[in-house]
Amino acid sequence: MSRPKGYDLAIFLFFSAVLQVNASSYDFDVVVYGATASGVTAAIAASNEGVKVLLVEPQKNVGGMVTGGLSHTDYGDRTVIGGLTYQFYQKVADFYKTQVFYWRGPEPHVGEQIMLAWLKEAGVTLWFEKRLSNVQKRTNTIEKIVFTDGTEVSAKIFIDAGYEGDLMAGAGVSYTYGREGIKDYNESYAGRQPVTFTTHQIDARISPFNNDRERKLLPLVQPKPMVPIGEGDGGIMAYCFRMIATNKPENMQVWSKPDRYNPATYELARRYYQAKPDAEPLISFWPTLPNGKSDINSSLGISTNLLDGSSWKYPDADYRQRDSIWQWHRDYTLGLAWFLATDSAVPLQVRKAMKTFGLCKDEYVNNQHFPHQLYIREARRMKGEYFMTQHDLMCDTVKYDAIGMGSYNIDVREMQRNFIEISRFPDMKFETYNEGYLSIPVSKYEIPYRSLLPKSDECQNLMVPVCLSSSHIAIASIRMEPQYMIMGESAGTAAALAIKTNRTLHTIDVFALQEKLKNNKQVLSLKENPYGLWNSENEIIIDNNMKGFTYFTGDWKEEETVHTGRYEMNFRYKPIMAEGDFEFNPYLFKTGNYEVSVWSPSSPHYSSKVPVEVNFMDGKTMVYLNQQVNGGKWIKIGNWTFEKGQKQRIRIIGEKSNFVIADAVKFELK
């Protein structure tokens, strides 16, 4: 597989620069701390505006979770994605010679190659392995930051793009962390959650104790009692490592026994398989990445997520404590894989399935093929000029100072594994219980510039695009990597504008900032164009996952990264014996004659006669699709006159006897 142009030179220059850095003083216009994906876009955006930029990474890699295991990236509604974020995914598509978002993201090493080459092209100076020691301020202005090796760096503007918010905290900026209660910000979904049973729950009755007499808690159970429903408890979403695995023997490193492996750690898993001997592996492998690789997520009641409360201690921990938490997560994750592959208590079919996969030899070659980034779903959160809450995601979605948009569900992963007493006739016993999971749809919302700013009397030359000013509920939607990248670009652009106009970040012309962002194709609002950057007035493409433009009744299941003939990353299907219709309802900018085409993968298992109802300006008609042939391309179904606005639709009718696909529809003005 080819590398991006200039990659080898970029590596040489970057690491040469690292070797030359010693305990000296340096001066830049903008310093970005944290080479997460947000930090990368912040640095590139600022440098593209002609200012001198330093990007500092405490570890050894760039990209954060985008290159650290979360390659199968959640992005919500693609219409809010523009600017440098779109450019990154276009670079990914170009590398794999496919369409944008055919893959949600690249293989980790490919993503890092792209980012390194991109940073070099932008002229960004990059330092690795520089941990922050202290921040020196004069009144409300950061003058310099000092690293643990004694290196000092001064700058006009600082951007904290780390997951932890260490620069923000070091600057004395107000912040919080942990789950608030309903009463704190009048958020209906805040606080400890009621008892629910979802796919993230343990689907078996498992005692949390070693035995009913001694009642000593098993490993991986949070010892802290749960607070009442709706109350805040300072809880932090569970962390995990998202491993990248493969089943290709030539690239597979088999699971090995970790040095600190303790089989007693996995007693819950052992009891789970005793209760459910036919259950699937607790680590599931799904070919979500190019070249047959699997991005491992945590989607079952016992998984790679650690729910023992260790994440709760992380946000304000010192480096020694954080390193210990990182190591514990690594040991647990590799130990779980080893347990599932080898322990005699695990069903044979599970052990066999585990042994068909292993870590990838071509990934994380400087970290024993294990991800370099712990999935820190949330940590510190600033209390800045504007504090975003649930209301900004669901009701008050328009902001005069919008610098980007968000769209992903309020996605709260499990907070803790605790225990509750449950009545199941004829007895009542304590059972192990995972608490906290939430997935709540939101509107497409605008993110205000003020939420990236500390209060002006606390610091006037700092921006925080990752640990931004928001509640626990709000960050659960905002925290998706493409949204972090969007905010990173906006922060970098604002920093350059402040320097060029000799203003503070709090007094720049926000409307000038918005014009600059829009010129760089950042999506700030969908008022003028409901599709963002994704469609022209003369060609409208509606993909099956575009909220607000697609609707369905019945049971339409989502399928991702399986069929090579899909449009973009997924499609919907209605299996035989289910019923329901799928509608594509576009907004059209002009009244006129449109050529309508349909895209879907094909298979002999699909229906050869799918009814499609076309509702146009003067009436409606029925056409039929043969989804057994001609998949993976646009198939013209006819020309009709449609009226301006969102008044007509294409409806795929899912008859009970048919296996039907709904993928994408194109409207081309003639």
Foldseek 3Di string as FASTA:
>chain_A
DDFPPCLVVLVVVQVVLQVPDAQEEAEFAEEEEAQALLSLLLQLLQLLLPTAYEYEHQADAHHFCCLQQCQQFDAFFCLQFWFVLQVLQVVVCVVVVHDRQLASGAHNVRSRSVSSVSCVVSVYHYYYNWAWDAFDDDQFATAWTATPRNYIYGHQFYEYLHQQCPVVVRLVFAWAAFWAFCVPVVDPQTDWADDDDDQQKQPFFDFQAPDPPVRDGAALAAPDDGDDGRHTDLFFFFWFGWAKKALDVVFFDFQDQDPPADVSNCVVVLVSCVRPVPDAAQWDFDQSHPPRMGGTDHRHNDHLTRFHRLLSPPNPDDPVSNVVSVVVSVNVHSNSLVCQQDPPSHHPVSNVVSRSMHAGCPGPVVPVSGGPHMCRLHHMAGAAQDAAEPCCFAPVFDDPLFQGKFFAWLFGHFRHWHWDWDDDPPDIGIGITTIDTDTGGTHTGTDHPRQQGHYSSSHFRYGYLQSTRYHSSVSSGCNGSSNSNSSSSLNSLLSSQCVVVVHTSVPGDSVVSNVVSVVSQRRRDCPVPVSRPPDDLFKDKDWQSNPPFKDKDKDWDKDADDFPLADRTIWTKDDAQIFMKMKGFDAHAAWAKWWKWAAAAAAPQFAQWWWKWWQADPGIDIDTHGRNDDHNDIDTDDMDTHHHGRDIIIMTGGDNGGIDIHTMMMIGGD
